[in-house]
Amino acid sequence: MIGKGPRSEAVMQAIRRNHGVYFAAT
């Protein structure tokens, strides 16, 4: 996922659970 700003705990858990990544764009 690409966006800006922090994410919720549920999203962070989903990222870890699914071995994903969240990118920040300027």
PDB file of all heavy atoms in Angstrom:
ATOM      1  N   MET A   1       0.862  -1.173   0.000  1.00  0.00           N
ATOM      2  CA  MET A   1       0.000   0.000   0.000  1.00  0.00           C
ATOM      3  C   MET A   1       0.898   1.221   0.000  1.00  0.00           C
ATOM      4  O   MET A   1       1.969   1.199   0.614  1.00  0.00           O
ATOM      5  CB  MET A   1      -0.897   0.006   1.243  1.00  0.00           C
ATOM      6  CG  MET A   1      -1.872  -1.173   1.286  1.00  0.00           C
ATOM      7  SD  MET A   1      -2.559  -1.461   2.936  1.00  0.00           S
ATOM      8  CE  MET A   1      -1.211  -2.343   3.713  1.00  0.00           C
ATOM      9  N   ILE A   2       0.453   2.265  -0.698  1.00  0.00           N
ATOM     10  CA  ILE A   2       1.196   3.524  -0.756  1.00  0.00           C
ATOM     11  C   ILE A   2       0.250   4.636  -0.329  1.00  0.00           C
ATOM     12  O   ILE A   2      -0.862   4.736  -0.839  1.00  0.00           O
ATOM     13  CB  ILE A   2       1.690   3.827  -2.182  1.00  0.00           C
ATOM     14  CG1 ILE A   2       2.561   2.701  -2.723  1.00  0.00           C
ATOM     15  CG2 ILE A   2       2.433   5.174  -2.212  1.00  0.00           C
ATOM     16  CD1 ILE A   2       2.849   2.815  -4.218  1.00  0.00           C
ATOM     17  N   GLY A   3       0.700   5.480   0.580  1.00  0.00           N
ATOM     18  CA  GLY A   3      -0.109   6.600   1.019  1.00  0.00           C
ATOM     19  C   GLY A   3       0.720   7.554   1.841  1.00  0.00           C
ATOM     20  O   GLY A   3       1.934   7.646   1.662  1.00  0.00           O
ATOM     21  N   LYS A   4       0.049   8.241   2.746  1.00  0.00           N
ATOM     22  CA  LYS A   4       0.774   9.107   3.676  1.00  0.00           C
ATOM     23  C   LYS A   4       0.113   9.016   5.036  1.00  0.00           C
ATOM     24  O   LYS A   4      -1.102   8.842   5.138  1.00  0.00           O
ATOM     25  CB  LYS A   4       0.845  10.546   3.176  1.00  0.00           C
ATOM     26  CG  LYS A   4      -0.476  11.268   3.107  1.00  0.00           C
ATOM     27  CD  LYS A   4      -0.293  12.695   2.615  1.00  0.00           C
ATOM     28  CE  LYS A   4      -1.658  13.387   2.606  1.00  0.00           C
ATOM     29  NZ  LYS A   4      -1.582  14.747   2.118  1.00  0.00           N
ATOM     30  N   GLY A   5       0.927   9.109   6.065  1.00  0.00           N
ATOM     31  CA  GLY A   5       0.432   9.094   7.427  1.00  0.00           C
ATOM     32  C   GLY A   5       0.412   7.725   8.054  1.00  0.00           C
ATOM     33  O   GLY A   5       0.524   6.708   7.375  1.00  0.00           O
ATOM     34  N   PRO A   6       0.291   7.710   9.390  1.00  0.00           N
ATOM     35  CA  PRO A   6       0.304   6.446  10.134  1.00  0.00           C
ATOM     36  C   PRO A   6      -0.925   5.598   9.860  1.00  0.00           C
ATOM     37  O   PRO A   6      -1.921   6.076   9.339  1.00  0.00           O
ATOM     38  CB  PRO A   6       0.364   6.892  11.593  1.00  0.00           C
ATOM     39  CG  PRO A   6      -0.058   8.309  11.613  1.00  0.00           C
ATOM     40  CD  PRO A   6       0.178   8.875  10.246  1.00  0.00           C
ATOM     41  N   ARG A   7      -0.821   4.314  10.257  1.00  0.00           N
ATOM     42  CA  ARG A   7      -1.902   3.344  10.068  1.00  0.00           C
ATOM     43  C   ARG A   7      -2.391   2.844  11.419  1.00  0.00           C
ATOM     44  O   ARG A   7      -1.701   2.912  12.422  1.00  0.00           O
ATOM     45  CB  ARG A   7      -1.412   2.142   9.238  1.00  0.00           C
ATOM     46  CG  ARG A   7      -0.787   2.474   7.888  1.00  0.00           C
ATOM     47  CD  ARG A   7      -1.639   3.321   6.975  1.00  0.00           C
ATOM     48  NE  ARG A   7      -2.931   2.773   6.615  1.00  0.00           N
ATOM     49  CZ  ARG A   7      -3.166   2.005   5.565  1.00  0.00           C
ATOM     50  NH1 ARG A   7      -2.186   1.697   4.747  1.00  0.00           N
ATOM     51  NH2 ARG A   7      -4.381   1.576   5.307  1.00  0.00           N
ATOM     52  N   SER A   8      -3.581   2.267  11.413  1.00  0.00           N
ATOM     53  CA  SER A   8      -4.172   1.725  12.640  1.00  0.00           C
ATOM     54  C   SER A   8      -3.466   0.431  13.044  1.00  0.00           C
ATOM     55  O   SER A   8      -2.775  -0.204  12.242  1.00  0.00           O
ATOM     56  CB  SER A   8      -5.659   1.440  12.428  1.00  0.00           C
ATOM     57  OG  SER A   8      -5.825   0.337  11.543  1.00  0.00           O
ATOM     58  N   GLU A   9      -3.689   0.031  14.280  1.00  0.00           N
ATOM     59  CA  GLU A   9      -3.116  -1.230  14.769  1.00  0.00           C
ATOM     60  C   GLU A   9      -3.626  -2.407  13.942  1.00  0.00           C
ATOM     61  O   GLU A   9      -2.869  -3.334  13.646  1.00  0.00           O
ATOM     62  CB  GLU A   9      -3.445  -1.428  16.253  1.00  0.00           C
ATOM     63  CG  GLU A   9      -2.836  -2.677  16.852  1.00  0.00           C
ATOM     64  CD  GLU A   9      -1.312  -2.739  16.775  1.00  0.00           C
ATOM     65  OE1 GLU A   9      -0.646  -1.690  16.873  1.00  0.00           O
ATOM     66  OE2 GLU A   9      -0.770  -3.859  16.616  1.00  0.00           O
ATOM     67  N   ALA A  10      -4.891  -2.392  13.540  1.00  0.00           N
ATOM     68  CA  ALA A  10      -5.448  -3.489  12.733  1.00  0.00           C
ATOM     69  C   ALA A  10      -4.728  -3.606  11.394  1.00  0.00           C
ATOM     70  O   ALA A  10      -4.457  -4.715  10.920  1.00  0.00           O
ATOM     71  CB  ALA A  10      -6.941  -3.285  12.517  1.00  0.00           C
ATOM     72  N   VAL A  11      -4.399  -2.491  10.769  1.00  0.00           N
ATOM     73  CA  VAL A  11      -3.676  -2.526   9.496  1.00  0.00           C
ATOM     74  C   VAL A  11      -2.255  -3.013   9.729  1.00  0.00           C
ATOM     75  O   VAL A  11      -1.739  -3.841   8.958  1.00  0.00           O
ATOM     76  CB  VAL A  11      -3.685  -1.140   8.804  1.00  0.00           C
ATOM     77  CG1 VAL A  11      -2.803  -1.143   7.568  1.00  0.00           C
ATOM     78  CG2 VAL A  11      -5.112  -0.756   8.435  1.00  0.00           C
ATOM     79  N   MET A  12      -1.604  -2.548  10.794  1.00  0.00           N
ATOM     80  CA  MET A  12      -0.239  -3.001  11.070  1.00  0.00           C
ATOM     81  C   MET A  12      -0.208  -4.510  11.309  1.00  0.00           C
ATOM     82  O   MET A  12       0.690  -5.202  10.826  1.00  0.00           O
ATOM     83  CB  MET A  12       0.358  -2.229  12.245  1.00  0.00           C
ATOM     84  CG  MET A  12       0.631  -0.775  11.880  1.00  0.00           C
ATOM     85  SD  MET A  12       1.510   0.160  13.135  1.00  0.00           S
ATOM     86  CE  MET A  12       0.292   0.278  14.417  1.00  0.00           C
ATOM     87  N   GLN A  13      -1.202  -5.033  12.015  1.00  0.00           N
ATOM     88  CA  GLN A  13      -1.285  -6.476  12.224  1.00  0.00           C
ATOM     89  C   GLN A  13      -1.486  -7.214  10.906  1.00  0.00           C
ATOM     90  O   GLN A  13      -0.889  -8.267  10.678  1.00  0.00           O
ATOM     91  CB  GLN A  13      -2.409  -6.806  13.197  1.00  0.00           C
ATOM     92  CG  GLN A  13      -2.116  -6.424  14.620  1.00  0.00           C
ATOM     93  CD  GLN A  13      -3.307  -6.662  15.541  1.00  0.00           C
ATOM     94  OE1 GLN A  13      -4.319  -7.255  15.161  1.00  0.00           O
ATOM     95  NE2 GLN A  13      -3.187  -6.183  16.771  1.00  0.00           N
ATOM     96  N   ALA A  14      -2.332  -6.672  10.027  1.00  0.00           N
ATOM     97  CA  ALA A  14      -2.577  -7.294   8.722  1.00  0.00           C
ATOM     98  C   ALA A  14      -1.310  -7.289   7.874  1.00  0.00           C
ATOM     99  O   ALA A  14      -1.034  -8.261   7.160  1.00  0.00           O
ATOM    100  CB  ALA A  14      -3.715  -6.583   7.995  1.00  0.00           C
ATOM    101  N   ILE A  15      -0.532  -6.211   7.945  1.00  0.00           N
ATOM    102  CA  ILE A  15       0.733  -6.146   7.206  1.00  0.00           C
ATOM    103  C   ILE A  15       1.664  -7.241   7.701  1.00  0.00           C
ATOM    104  O   ILE A  15       2.243  -8.002   6.905  1.00  0.00           O
ATOM    105  CB  ILE A  15       1.374  -4.745   7.335  1.00  0.00           C
ATOM    106  CG1 ILE A  15       0.555  -3.713   6.558  1.00  0.00           C
ATOM    107  CG2 ILE A  15       2.833  -4.769   6.843  1.00  0.00           C
ATOM    108  CD1 ILE A  15       0.944  -2.272   6.840  1.00  0.00           C
ATOM    109  N   ARG A  16       1.824  -7.366   9.012  1.00  0.00           N
ATOM    110  CA  ARG A  16       2.708  -8.407   9.580  1.00  0.00           C
ATOM    111  C   ARG A  16       2.178  -9.798   9.246  1.00  0.00           C
ATOM    112  O   ARG A  16       2.934 -10.678   8.821  1.00  0.00           O
ATOM    113  CB  ARG A  16       2.836  -8.232  11.091  1.00  0.00           C
ATOM    114  CG  ARG A  16       3.740  -7.086  11.500  1.00  0.00           C
ATOM    115  CD  ARG A  16       4.038  -7.094  12.995  1.00  0.00           C
ATOM    116  NE  ARG A  16       2.852  -7.002  13.836  1.00  0.00           N
ATOM    117  CZ  ARG A  16       2.303  -5.873  14.245  1.00  0.00           C
ATOM    118  NH1 ARG A  16       2.815  -4.713  13.899  1.00  0.00           N
ATOM    119  NH2 ARG A  16       1.230  -5.888  15.011  1.00  0.00           N
ATOM    120  N   ARG A  17       0.898 -10.010   9.450  1.00  0.00           N
ATOM    121  CA  ARG A  17       0.282 -11.323   9.238  1.00  0.00           C
ATOM    122  C   ARG A  17       0.461 -11.802   7.799  1.00  0.00           C
ATOM    123  O   ARG A  17       0.644 -12.983   7.539  1.00  0.00           O
ATOM    124  CB  ARG A  17      -1.206 -11.222   9.603  1.00  0.00           C
ATOM    125  CG  ARG A  17      -2.006 -12.471   9.453  1.00  0.00           C
ATOM    126  CD  ARG A  17      -3.424 -12.322  10.008  1.00  0.00           C
ATOM    127  NE  ARG A  17      -4.232 -11.309   9.354  1.00  0.00           N
ATOM    128  CZ  ARG A  17      -4.672 -10.182   9.938  1.00  0.00           C
ATOM    129  NH1 ARG A  17      -4.372  -9.901  11.189  1.00  0.00           N
ATOM    130  NH2 ARG A  17      -5.423  -9.320   9.266  1.00  0.00           N
ATOM    131  N   ASN A  18       0.421 -10.860   6.858  1.00  0.00           N
ATOM    132  CA  ASN A  18       0.472 -11.201   5.436  1.00  0.00           C
ATOM    133  C   ASN A  18       1.816 -10.872   4.786  1.00  0.00           C
ATOM    134  O   ASN A  18       1.939 -10.948   3.567  1.00  0.00           O
ATOM    135  CB  ASN A  18      -0.668 -10.493   4.710  1.00  0.00           C
ATOM    136  CG  ASN A  18      -2.011 -11.000   5.172  1.00  0.00           C
ATOM    137  OD1 ASN A  18      -2.395 -12.118   4.868  1.00  0.00           O
ATOM    138  ND2 ASN A  18      -2.722 -10.201   5.958  1.00  0.00           N
ATOM    139  N   HIS A  19       2.791 -10.501   5.606  1.00  0.00           N
ATOM    140  CA  HIS A  19       4.152 -10.203   5.120  1.00  0.00           C
ATOM    141  C   HIS A  19       4.124  -9.146   4.022  1.00  0.00           C
ATOM    142  O   HIS A  19       4.743  -9.296   2.975  1.00  0.00           O
ATOM    143  CB  HIS A  19       4.846 -11.488   4.637  1.00  0.00           C
ATOM    144  CG  HIS A  19       4.760 -12.586   5.636  1.00  0.00           C
ATOM    145  ND1 HIS A  19       5.482 -12.581   6.809  1.00  0.00           N
ATOM    146  CD2 HIS A  19       3.991 -13.703   5.675  1.00  0.00           C
ATOM    147  CE1 HIS A  19       5.179 -13.661   7.503  1.00  0.00           C
ATOM    148  NE2 HIS A  19       4.279 -14.358   6.847  1.00  0.00           N
ATOM    149  N   GLY A  20       3.408  -8.064   4.302  1.00  0.00           N
ATOM    150  CA  GLY A  20       3.267  -6.971   3.349  1.00  0.00           C
ATOM    151  C   GLY A  20       4.142  -5.791   3.695  1.00  0.00           C
ATOM    152  O   GLY A  20       5.067  -5.889   4.522  1.00  0.00           O
ATOM    153  N   VAL A  21       3.830  -4.663   3.080  1.00  0.00           N
ATOM    154  CA  VAL A  21       4.606  -3.444   3.299  1.00  0.00           C
ATOM    155  C   VAL A  21       3.712  -2.237   3.029  1.00  0.00           C
ATOM    156  O   VAL A  21       2.815  -2.292   2.181  1.00  0.00           O
ATOM    157  CB  VAL A  21       5.863  -3.413   2.398  1.00  0.00           C
ATOM    158  CG1 VAL A  21       5.498  -3.387   0.917  1.00  0.00           C
ATOM    159  CG2 VAL A  21       6.795  -2.275   2.755  1.00  0.00           C
ATOM    160  N   TYR A  22       3.973  -1.183   3.790  1.00  0.00           N
ATOM    161  CA  TYR A  22       3.288   0.088   3.578  1.00  0.00           C
ATOM    162  C   TYR A  22       4.355   1.121   3.252  1.00  0.00           C
ATOM    163  O   TYR A  22       5.299   1.314   4.017  1.00  0.00           O
ATOM    164  CB  TYR A  22       2.503   0.484   4.830  1.00  0.00           C
ATOM    165  CG  TYR A  22       1.966   1.895   4.837  1.00  0.00           C
ATOM    166  CD1 TYR A  22       1.143   2.365   3.808  1.00  0.00           C
ATOM    167  CD2 TYR A  22       2.262   2.764   5.873  1.00  0.00           C
ATOM    168  CE1 TYR A  22       0.640   3.659   3.816  1.00  0.00           C
ATOM    169  CE2 TYR A  22       1.766   4.066   5.905  1.00  0.00           C
ATOM    170  CZ  TYR A  22       0.953   4.504   4.870  1.00  0.00           C
ATOM    171  OH  TYR A  22       0.464   5.781   4.889  1.00  0.00           O
ATOM    172  N   PHE A  23       4.199   1.737   2.089  1.00  0.00           N
ATOM    173  CA  PHE A  23       5.130   2.761   1.627  1.00  0.00           C
ATOM    174  C   PHE A  23       4.532   4.142   1.845  1.00  0.00           C
ATOM    175  O   PHE A  23       3.337   4.339   1.651  1.00  0.00           O
ATOM    176  CB  PHE A  23       5.399   2.616   0.123  1.00  0.00           C
ATOM    177  CG  PHE A  23       6.007   1.322  -0.291  1.00  0.00           C
ATOM    178  CD1 PHE A  23       5.234   0.347  -0.903  1.00  0.00           C
ATOM    179  CD2 PHE A  23       7.357   1.066  -0.093  1.00  0.00           C
ATOM    180  CE1 PHE A  23       5.793  -0.849  -1.318  1.00  0.00           C
ATOM    181  CE2 PHE A  23       7.923  -0.124  -0.495  1.00  0.00           C
ATOM    182  CZ  PHE A  23       7.151  -1.095  -1.116  1.00  0.00           C
ATOM    183  N   ALA A  24       5.380   5.093   2.190  1.00  0.00           N
ATOM    184  CA  ALA A  24       4.959   6.485   2.278  1.00  0.00           C
ATOM    185  C   ALA A  24       5.425   7.200   1.018  1.00  0.00           C
ATOM    186  O   ALA A  24       6.575   7.056   0.590  1.00  0.00           O
ATOM    187  CB  ALA A  24       5.571   7.148   3.512  1.00  0.00           C
ATOM    188  N   ALA A  25       4.502   7.951   0.427  1.00  0.00           N
ATOM    189  CA  ALA A  25       4.830   8.831  -0.696  1.00  0.00           C
ATOM    190  C   ALA A  25       4.813  10.251  -0.146  1.00  0.00           C
ATOM    191  O   ALA A  25       4.107  10.546   0.820  1.00  0.00           O
ATOM    192  CB  ALA A  25       3.810   8.675  -1.821  1.00  0.00           C
ATOM    193  N   THR A  26       5.572  11.112  -0.753  1.00  0.00           N
ATOM    194  CA  THR A  26       5.680  12.483  -0.262  1.00  0.00           C
ATOM    195  C   THR A  26       4.439  13.288  -0.606  1.00  0.00           C
ATOM    196  O   THR A  26       4.120  13.475  -1.781  1.00  0.00           O
ATOM    197  CB  THR A  26       6.930  13.160  -0.851  1.00  0.00           C
ATOM    198  OG1 THR A  26       8.072  12.374  -0.510  1.00  0.00           O
ATOM    199  CG2 THR A  26       7.102  14.559  -0.308  1.00  0.00           C
TER     200      THR A  26
END
